[in-house]
Amino acid sequence: MNQDEAKYILRAFHLGGQDVEDPQFQEALELSKRDPVLGDWFANEQAIDARVSRKLRAFPVPPNLKAQLLAARKTIPARAWWPRPVWMSAAACLLLVLALSGWLLTSAGQVQFSDLRAFVADSTAQLDHLDLSSTNLVEVRRWLLDRKAAGDFVVPTALKGMPSVGCRKFNWKGQSISLVCFKVDGVGTVHLFVIDHSSVHDAPADANPAFAVSGNGIATASWRNTKFVYVLAGKVDEGELRRLLNAASA
């Protein structure tokens, strides 16, 4: 089975997971685990399906809809003897479908910044491993770029010259997120998360860090440049994170 065949099969995979034991899907699922490109594609497809499903469920169905439809059927006036041009009805339907699809896909293609910051805080609190352990930042960048993750990020001034610990690639809500960890004297390990800014809705406005502390005590600083959104996080006091970044800009 090749990638195209697997994609054809996996497009029919249900979100609920009821197809996991179905022999028709097993070979394609196994291939998605071994093939990083296919795995990223499948994760993105599932994220889009989930977002579209949530959007559709957000429209409540009136409890008396069935009765209303049946009543309307009895009172529909007789059609005029001249037929409406078929192409007008088809065009109207097509415009409606395109408008709805565009709205859903635009929404599905981005993540909320507040959700991203919560993901960063949770990932920092629960981080149990890195995909690559290395003190060589060049090697870290190359590893991320080889896996189509953000590797050409700008290291903040506060972390320049600090040894890297390693990196990890996350696939979250259909988006690729790079994590690079640095060892900072007197502070400990801090975690720099990087994501393409076009993937984030309500991203920070500029390069001035915005600070926050999550419910689990993780301090974060967030900013953006012309290409990426950055979130620096650590199991540290917010004041330490502020002093670290402010000292670098002083």
C-alpha atoms as a PDB file:
ATOM      1  CA  MET A   1       0.000   0.000   0.000  1.00  0.00           C
ATOM      2  CA  ASN A   2       1.335   3.441  -0.913  1.00  0.00           C
ATOM      3  CA  GLN A   3       0.563   6.914   0.503  1.00  0.00           C
ATOM      4  CA  ASP A   4      -2.199   7.740  -1.989  1.00  0.00           C
ATOM      5  CA  GLU A   5      -3.998   4.453  -1.338  1.00  0.00           C
ATOM      6  CA  ALA A   6      -3.744   4.978   2.420  1.00  0.00           C
ATOM      7  CA  LYS A   7      -5.106   8.549   2.151  1.00  0.00           C
ATOM      8  CA  TYR A   8      -8.057   7.293   0.089  1.00  0.00           C
ATOM      9  CA  ILE A   9      -8.920   4.801   2.847  1.00  0.00           C
ATOM     10  CA  LEU A  10      -8.244   7.065   5.831  1.00  0.00           C
ATOM     11  CA  ARG A  11     -10.511   9.826   4.518  1.00  0.00           C
ATOM     12  CA  ALA A  12     -13.412   7.565   5.545  1.00  0.00           C
ATOM     13  CA  PHE A  13     -12.058   6.949   9.079  1.00  0.00           C
ATOM     14  CA  HIS A  14     -14.566   7.914  11.778  1.00  0.00           C
ATOM     15  CA  LEU A  15     -13.552  10.382  14.490  1.00  0.00           C
ATOM     16  CA  GLY A  16     -14.990   8.208  17.251  1.00  0.00           C
ATOM     17  CA  GLY A  17     -12.384   5.490  16.758  1.00  0.00           C
ATOM     18  CA  GLN A  18     -14.908   2.756  15.975  1.00  0.00           C
ATOM     19  CA  ASP A  19     -12.944   1.870  12.839  1.00  0.00           C
ATOM     20  CA  VAL A  20      -9.697   1.008  14.661  1.00  0.00           C
ATOM     21  CA  GLU A  21     -10.441  -2.725  14.644  1.00  0.00           C
ATOM     22  CA  ASP A  22     -11.822  -2.709  11.090  1.00  0.00           C
ATOM     23  CA  PRO A  23      -9.449  -4.718   8.834  1.00  0.00           C
ATOM     24  CA  GLN A  24     -10.134  -2.291   5.988  1.00  0.00           C
ATOM     25  CA  PHE A  25      -8.360   0.477   7.913  1.00  0.00           C
ATOM     26  CA  GLN A  26      -5.639  -1.376   9.814  1.00  0.00           C
ATOM     27  CA  GLU A  27      -2.995  -1.454   7.083  1.00  0.00           C
ATOM     28  CA  ALA A  28      -3.489   2.249   6.327  1.00  0.00           C
ATOM     29  CA  LEU A  29      -3.324   3.116  10.046  1.00  0.00           C
ATOM     30  CA  GLU A  30      -0.101   1.145  10.469  1.00  0.00           C
ATOM     31  CA  LEU A  31       1.421   2.948   7.482  1.00  0.00           C
ATOM     32  CA  SER A  32       0.460   6.341   8.990  1.00  0.00           C
ATOM     33  CA  LYS A  33       2.414   5.413  12.143  1.00  0.00           C
ATOM     34  CA  ARG A  34       5.539   4.515  10.145  1.00  0.00           C
ATOM     35  CA  ASP A  35       5.362   7.315   7.573  1.00  0.00           C
ATOM     36  CA  PRO A  36       5.823  10.783   9.200  1.00  0.00           C
ATOM     37  CA  VAL A  37       4.415  12.636   6.186  1.00  0.00           C
ATOM     38  CA  LEU A  38       1.307  10.452   6.071  1.00  0.00           C
ATOM     39  CA  GLY A  39       1.013  10.681   9.857  1.00  0.00           C
ATOM     40  CA  ASP A  40       1.033  14.500   9.730  1.00  0.00           C
ATOM     41  CA  TRP A  41      -1.548  14.478   6.925  1.00  0.00           C
ATOM     42  CA  PHE A  42      -3.832  12.101   8.861  1.00  0.00           C
ATOM     43  CA  ALA A  43      -3.544  14.175  12.058  1.00  0.00           C
ATOM     44  CA  ASN A  44      -4.470  17.301  10.099  1.00  0.00           C
ATOM     45  CA  GLU A  45      -7.458  15.551   8.460  1.00  0.00           C
ATOM     46  CA  GLN A  46      -8.724  14.378  11.846  1.00  0.00           C
ATOM     47  CA  ALA A  47      -8.320  17.894  13.298  1.00  0.00           C
ATOM     48  CA  ILE A  48     -10.307  19.443  10.427  1.00  0.00           C
ATOM     49  CA  ASP A  49     -13.028  16.774  10.741  1.00  0.00           C
ATOM     50  CA  ALA A  50     -13.266  17.434  14.484  1.00  0.00           C
ATOM     51  CA  ARG A  51     -13.529  21.201  14.011  1.00  0.00           C
ATOM     52  CA  VAL A  52     -16.175  20.893  11.284  1.00  0.00           C
ATOM     53  CA  SER A  53     -18.124  18.446  13.453  1.00  0.00           C
ATOM     54  CA  ARG A  54     -18.076  20.860  16.401  1.00  0.00           C
ATOM     55  CA  LYS A  55     -19.231  23.726  14.172  1.00  0.00           C
ATOM     56  CA  LEU A  56     -22.144  21.718  12.808  1.00  0.00           C
ATOM     57  CA  ARG A  57     -23.170  20.532  16.268  1.00  0.00           C
ATOM     58  CA  ALA A  58     -23.239  24.157  17.418  1.00  0.00           C
ATOM     59  CA  PHE A  59     -26.421  24.697  15.418  1.00  0.00           C
ATOM     60  CA  PRO A  60     -29.277  23.391  17.640  1.00  0.00           C
ATOM     61  CA  VAL A  61     -32.092  21.438  16.014  1.00  0.00           C
ATOM     62  CA  PRO A  62     -35.496  22.801  17.100  1.00  0.00           C
ATOM     63  CA  PRO A  63     -37.487  20.100  18.928  1.00  0.00           C
ATOM     64  CA  ASN A  64     -40.549  20.718  16.748  1.00  0.00           C
ATOM     65  CA  LEU A  65     -38.673  20.776  13.441  1.00  0.00           C
ATOM     66  CA  LYS A  66     -40.296  17.577  12.167  1.00  0.00           C
ATOM     67  CA  ALA A  67     -43.791  18.878  12.844  1.00  0.00           C
ATOM     68  CA  GLN A  68     -42.997  22.185  11.145  1.00  0.00           C
ATOM     69  CA  LEU A  69     -41.672  20.456   8.039  1.00  0.00           C
ATOM     70  CA  LEU A  70     -44.730  18.214   7.788  1.00  0.00           C
ATOM     71  CA  ALA A  71     -47.056  21.195   8.224  1.00  0.00           C
ATOM     72  CA  ALA A  72     -45.168  23.182   5.594  1.00  0.00           C
ATOM     73  CA  ARG A  73     -45.486  20.291   3.165  1.00  0.00           C
ATOM     74  CA  LYS A  74     -49.280  20.520   3.372  1.00  0.00           C
ATOM     75  CA  THR A  75     -49.372  24.273   2.774  1.00  0.00           C
ATOM     76  CA  ILE A  76     -46.827  24.647  -0.040  1.00  0.00           C
ATOM     77  CA  PRO A  77     -48.517  26.733  -2.770  1.00  0.00           C
ATOM     78  CA  ALA A  78     -48.833  25.357  -6.269  1.00  0.00           C
ATOM     79  CA  ARG A  79     -45.798  25.975  -8.415  1.00  0.00           C
ATOM     80  CA  ALA A  80     -46.046  28.511 -11.204  1.00  0.00           C
ATOM     81  CA  TRP A  81     -46.535  26.937 -14.604  1.00  0.00           C
ATOM     82  CA  TRP A  82     -43.264  28.458 -15.837  1.00  0.00           C
ATOM     83  CA  PRO A  83     -40.224  26.588 -14.515  1.00  0.00           C
ATOM     84  CA  ARG A  84     -37.387  28.416 -12.772  1.00  0.00           C
ATOM     85  CA  PRO A  85     -34.207  27.985 -14.775  1.00  0.00           C
ATOM     86  CA  VAL A  86     -32.303  25.002 -13.428  1.00  0.00           C
ATOM     87  CA  TRP A  87     -28.996  26.813 -13.618  1.00  0.00           C
ATOM     88  CA  MET A  88     -30.211  29.490 -11.167  1.00  0.00           C
ATOM     89  CA  SER A  89     -31.055  26.904  -8.509  1.00  0.00           C
ATOM     90  CA  ALA A  90     -27.779  25.082  -9.074  1.00  0.00           C
ATOM     91  CA  ALA A  91     -25.788  28.319  -8.860  1.00  0.00           C
ATOM     92  CA  ALA A  92     -27.519  29.305  -5.615  1.00  0.00           C
ATOM     93  CA  CYS A  93     -26.751  25.915  -4.055  1.00  0.00           C
ATOM     94  CA  LEU A  94     -23.133  26.076  -5.197  1.00  0.00           C
ATOM     95  CA  LEU A  95     -22.647  29.551  -3.707  1.00  0.00           C
ATOM     96  CA  LEU A  96     -24.132  28.397  -0.404  1.00  0.00           C
ATOM     97  CA  VAL A  97     -21.863  25.335  -0.267  1.00  0.00           C
ATOM     98  CA  LEU A  98     -18.770  27.376  -1.136  1.00  0.00           C
ATOM     99  CA  ALA A  99     -19.557  30.013   1.474  1.00  0.00           C
ATOM    100  CA  LEU A 100     -20.173  27.438   4.204  1.00  0.00           C
ATOM    101  CA  SER A 101     -17.054  25.442   3.244  1.00  0.00           C
ATOM    102  CA  GLY A 102     -14.885  28.550   3.223  1.00  0.00           C
ATOM    103  CA  TRP A 103     -16.105  29.595   6.658  1.00  0.00           C
ATOM    104  CA  LEU A 104     -15.617  26.162   8.169  1.00  0.00           C
ATOM    105  CA  LEU A 105     -12.192  25.532   6.627  1.00  0.00           C
ATOM    106  CA  THR A 106     -10.854  28.984   7.498  1.00  0.00           C
ATOM    107  CA  SER A 107     -11.899  28.428  11.081  1.00  0.00           C
ATOM    108  CA  ALA A 108     -10.553  24.867  11.057  1.00  0.00           C
ATOM    109  CA  GLY A 109      -7.205  25.971   9.635  1.00  0.00           C
ATOM    110  CA  GLN A 110      -6.327  28.152  12.631  1.00  0.00           C
ATOM    111  CA  VAL A 111      -6.015  27.662  16.370  1.00  0.00           C
ATOM    112  CA  GLN A 112      -6.976  30.160  19.040  1.00  0.00           C
ATOM    113  CA  PHE A 113      -3.983  31.757  20.742  1.00  0.00           C
ATOM    114  CA  SER A 114      -5.525  31.146  24.173  1.00  0.00           C
ATOM    115  CA  ASP A 115      -5.748  27.426  23.339  1.00  0.00           C
ATOM    116  CA  LEU A 116      -2.136  27.446  22.135  1.00  0.00           C
ATOM    117  CA  ARG A 117      -0.910  29.043  25.354  1.00  0.00           C
ATOM    118  CA  ALA A 118      -2.850  26.471  27.404  1.00  0.00           C
ATOM    119  CA  PHE A 119      -1.308  23.670  25.302  1.00  0.00           C
ATOM    120  CA  VAL A 120       2.167  25.114  25.908  1.00  0.00           C
ATOM    121  CA  ALA A 121       1.597  25.286  29.671  1.00  0.00           C
ATOM    122  CA  ASP A 122       0.262  21.717  29.834  1.00  0.00           C
ATOM    123  CA  SER A 123       3.080  20.367  27.643  1.00  0.00           C
ATOM    124  CA  THR A 124       5.702  22.125  29.779  1.00  0.00           C
ATOM    125  CA  ALA A 125       4.207  20.770  32.987  1.00  0.00           C
ATOM    126  CA  GLN A 126       4.007  17.198  31.652  1.00  0.00           C
ATOM    127  CA  LEU A 127       7.082  17.084  29.397  1.00  0.00           C
ATOM    128  CA  ASP A 128       8.545  13.588  29.740  1.00  0.00           C
ATOM    129  CA  HIS A 129      10.922  13.324  26.772  1.00  0.00           C
ATOM    130  CA  LEU A 130      12.515  15.090  23.818  1.00  0.00           C
ATOM    131  CA  ASP A 131      12.697  13.681  20.295  1.00  0.00           C
ATOM    132  CA  LEU A 132      16.324  14.805  20.002  1.00  0.00           C
ATOM    133  CA  SER A 133      18.804  15.503  22.799  1.00  0.00           C
ATOM    134  CA  SER A 134      21.580  17.812  21.619  1.00  0.00           C
ATOM    135  CA  THR A 135      23.574  20.839  22.767  1.00  0.00           C
ATOM    136  CA  ASN A 136      24.242  21.721  19.118  1.00  0.00           C
ATOM    137  CA  LEU A 137      21.658  24.254  17.956  1.00  0.00           C
ATOM    138  CA  VAL A 138      22.626  23.720  14.300  1.00  0.00           C
ATOM    139  CA  GLU A 139      21.807  20.023  14.667  1.00  0.00           C
ATOM    140  CA  VAL A 140      18.525  20.919  16.389  1.00  0.00           C
ATOM    141  CA  ARG A 141      17.507  23.253  13.553  1.00  0.00           C
ATOM    142  CA  ARG A 142      18.393  20.667  10.905  1.00  0.00           C
ATOM    143  CA  TRP A 143      16.409  17.946  12.700  1.00  0.00           C
ATOM    144  CA  LEU A 144      13.289  20.139  12.836  1.00  0.00           C
ATOM    145  CA  LEU A 145      13.565  21.330   9.224  1.00  0.00           C
ATOM    146  CA  ASP A 146      14.005  17.749   7.997  1.00  0.00           C
ATOM    147  CA  ARG A 147      10.631  16.981   9.592  1.00  0.00           C
ATOM    148  CA  LYS A 148       8.923  20.030   8.090  1.00  0.00           C
ATOM    149  CA  ALA A 149       8.781  21.797  11.443  1.00  0.00           C
ATOM    150  CA  ALA A 150       9.817  25.371  12.264  1.00  0.00           C
ATOM    151  CA  GLY A 151      13.607  25.279  12.401  1.00  0.00           C
ATOM    152  CA  ASP A 152      14.496  28.726  11.071  1.00  0.00           C
ATOM    153  CA  PHE A 153      13.225  30.479  14.194  1.00  0.00           C
ATOM    154  CA  VAL A 154      14.940  33.503  15.756  1.00  0.00           C
ATOM    155  CA  VAL A 155      16.524  32.750  19.119  1.00  0.00           C
ATOM    156  CA  PRO A 156      15.527  35.502  21.556  1.00  0.00           C
ATOM    157  CA  THR A 157      18.395  37.653  22.788  1.00  0.00           C
ATOM    158  CA  ALA A 158      17.951  36.278  26.309  1.00  0.00           C
ATOM    159  CA  LEU A 159      18.793  32.757  25.130  1.00  0.00           C
ATOM    160  CA  LYS A 160      21.633  33.492  22.722  1.00  0.00           C
ATOM    161  CA  GLY A 161      24.744  31.700  23.903  1.00  0.00           C
ATOM    162  CA  MET A 162      22.731  29.458  26.219  1.00  0.00           C
ATOM    163  CA  PRO A 163      23.214  25.736  25.553  1.00  0.00           C
ATOM    164  CA  SER A 164      20.300  23.914  24.006  1.00  0.00           C
ATOM    165  CA  VAL A 165      19.113  20.688  25.585  1.00  0.00           C
ATOM    166  CA  GLY A 166      17.248  19.292  22.597  1.00  0.00           C
ATOM    167  CA  CYS A 167      13.997  19.557  20.710  1.00  0.00           C
ATOM    168  CA  ARG A 168      10.681  17.945  19.953  1.00  0.00           C
ATOM    169  CA  LYS A 169       8.027  18.228  17.245  1.00  0.00           C
ATOM    170  CA  PHE A 170       4.365  18.316  18.219  1.00  0.00           C
ATOM    171  CA  ASN A 171       1.382  17.732  15.934  1.00  0.00           C
ATOM    172  CA  TRP A 172      -1.484  19.535  17.625  1.00  0.00           C
ATOM    173  CA  LYS A 173      -4.888  20.321  16.115  1.00  0.00           C
ATOM    174  CA  GLY A 174      -3.440  19.783  12.668  1.00  0.00           C
ATOM    175  CA  GLN A 175      -0.575  22.213  13.275  1.00  0.00           C
ATOM    176  CA  SER A 176       3.152  21.578  13.548  1.00  0.00           C
ATOM    177  CA  ILE A 177       4.796  23.056  16.646  1.00  0.00           C
ATOM    178  CA  SER A 178       8.542  23.077  17.347  1.00  0.00           C
ATOM    179  CA  LEU A 179       9.869  22.910  20.890  1.00  0.00           C
ATOM    180  CA  VAL A 180      13.475  23.816  21.691  1.00  0.00           C
ATOM    181  CA  CYS A 181      14.745  23.647  25.273  1.00  0.00           C
ATOM    182  CA  PHE A 182      17.546  25.807  26.705  1.00  0.00           C
ATOM    183  CA  LYS A 183      19.499  25.636  29.948  1.00  0.00           C
ATOM    184  CA  VAL A 184      19.675  29.068  31.609  1.00  0.00           C
ATOM    185  CA  ASP A 185      22.042  29.751  34.493  1.00  0.00           C
ATOM    186  CA  GLY A 186      20.174  30.602  37.673  1.00  0.00           C
ATOM    187  CA  VAL A 187      16.796  29.849  36.121  1.00  0.00           C
ATOM    188  CA  GLY A 188      16.870  26.262  34.912  1.00  0.00           C
ATOM    189  CA  THR A 189      15.385  24.840  31.733  1.00  0.00           C
ATOM    190  CA  VAL A 190      13.066  27.013  29.661  1.00  0.00           C
ATOM    191  CA  HIS A 191      11.020  25.822  26.713  1.00  0.00           C
ATOM    192  CA  LEU A 192      10.629  27.785  23.478  1.00  0.00           C
ATOM    193  CA  PHE A 193       7.564  26.785  21.424  1.00  0.00           C
ATOM    194  CA  VAL A 194       7.409  28.011  17.813  1.00  0.00           C
ATOM    195  CA  ILE A 195       4.460  27.892  15.377  1.00  0.00           C
ATOM    196  CA  ASP A 196       3.729  29.557  12.035  1.00  0.00           C
ATOM    197  CA  HIS A 197       1.869  32.795  12.819  1.00  0.00           C
ATOM    198  CA  SER A 198      -0.633  32.255   9.979  1.00  0.00           C
ATOM    199  CA  SER A 199      -1.901  29.223  11.924  1.00  0.00           C
ATOM    200  CA  VAL A 200      -2.839  31.259  14.992  1.00  0.00           C
ATOM    201  CA  HIS A 201      -5.937  33.414  15.479  1.00  0.00           C
ATOM    202  CA  ASP A 202      -5.602  36.406  17.834  1.00  0.00           C
ATOM    203  CA  ALA A 203      -1.816  36.003  17.968  1.00  0.00           C
ATOM    204  CA  PRO A 204       0.300  38.571  19.861  1.00  0.00           C
ATOM    205  CA  ALA A 205       0.493  41.837  17.956  1.00  0.00           C
ATOM    206  CA  ASP A 206       4.248  42.362  17.959  1.00  0.00           C
ATOM    207  CA  ALA A 207       7.633  41.430  19.402  1.00  0.00           C
ATOM    208  CA  ASN A 208       6.897  42.813  22.881  1.00  0.00           C
ATOM    209  CA  PRO A 209       6.468  39.822  25.225  1.00  0.00           C
ATOM    210  CA  ALA A 210       3.088  39.346  26.896  1.00  0.00           C
ATOM    211  CA  PHE A 211       3.338  37.471  30.192  1.00  0.00           C
ATOM    212  CA  ALA A 212       0.874  35.098  31.826  1.00  0.00           C
ATOM    213  CA  VAL A 213       0.751  32.322  34.420  1.00  0.00           C
ATOM    214  CA  SER A 214      -1.363  29.213  33.860  1.00  0.00           C
ATOM    215  CA  GLY A 215      -3.478  27.454  36.427  1.00  0.00           C
ATOM    216  CA  ASN A 216      -0.768  24.824  36.911  1.00  0.00           C
ATOM    217  CA  GLY A 217       1.853  27.473  37.730  1.00  0.00           C
ATOM    218  CA  ILE A 218       3.664  27.566  34.379  1.00  0.00           C
ATOM    219  CA  ALA A 219       4.849  31.075  33.463  1.00  0.00           C
ATOM    220  CA  THR A 220       4.745  32.047  29.781  1.00  0.00           C
ATOM    221  CA  ALA A 221       5.936  34.934  27.632  1.00  0.00           C
ATOM    222  CA  SER A 222       4.477  35.283  24.135  1.00  0.00           C
ATOM    223  CA  TRP A 223       5.400  37.383  21.117  1.00  0.00           C
ATOM    224  CA  ARG A 224       5.556  37.200  17.331  1.00  0.00           C
ATOM    225  CA  ASN A 225       7.619  38.290  14.354  1.00  0.00           C
ATOM    226  CA  THR A 226       6.784  38.313  10.654  1.00  0.00           C
ATOM    227  CA  LYS A 227       6.914  34.519  10.413  1.00  0.00           C
ATOM    228  CA  PHE A 228       6.337  32.794  13.741  1.00  0.00           C
ATOM    229  CA  VAL A 229       4.515  33.025  17.053  1.00  0.00           C
ATOM    230  CA  TYR A 230       6.782  32.276  20.017  1.00  0.00           C
ATOM    231  CA  VAL A 231       5.817  31.146  23.512  1.00  0.00           C
ATOM    232  CA  LEU A 232       8.585  30.829  26.092  1.00  0.00           C
ATOM    233  CA  ALA A 233       7.536  28.756  29.110  1.00  0.00           C
ATOM    234  CA  GLY A 234       9.080  27.398  32.257  1.00  0.00           C
ATOM    235  CA  LYS A 235       8.413  25.999  35.697  1.00  0.00           C
ATOM    236  CA  VAL A 236       9.534  29.339  37.099  1.00  0.00           C
ATOM    237  CA  ASP A 237       8.083  32.407  38.734  1.00  0.00           C
ATOM    238  CA  GLU A 238       6.704  34.967  36.273  1.00  0.00           C
ATOM    239  CA  GLY A 239       9.120  37.525  37.728  1.00  0.00           C
ATOM    240  CA  GLU A 240      12.084  35.342  36.761  1.00  0.00           C
ATOM    241  CA  LEU A 241      10.845  35.117  33.192  1.00  0.00           C
ATOM    242  CA  ARG A 242      10.343  38.899  33.083  1.00  0.00           C
ATOM    243  CA  ARG A 243      13.813  39.562  34.481  1.00  0.00           C
ATOM    244  CA  LEU A 244      15.353  37.155  31.980  1.00  0.00           C
ATOM    245  CA  LEU A 245      13.778  38.841  28.960  1.00  0.00           C
ATOM    246  CA  ASN A 246      14.003  42.401  30.295  1.00  0.00           C
ATOM    247  CA  ALA A 247      17.699  42.020  31.137  1.00  0.00           C
ATOM    248  CA  ALA A 248      18.372  40.918  27.573  1.00  0.00           C
ATOM    249  CA  SER A 249      16.572  43.950  26.117  1.00  0.00           C
ATOM    250  CA  ALA A 250      18.104  46.454  28.552  1.00  0.00           C
END
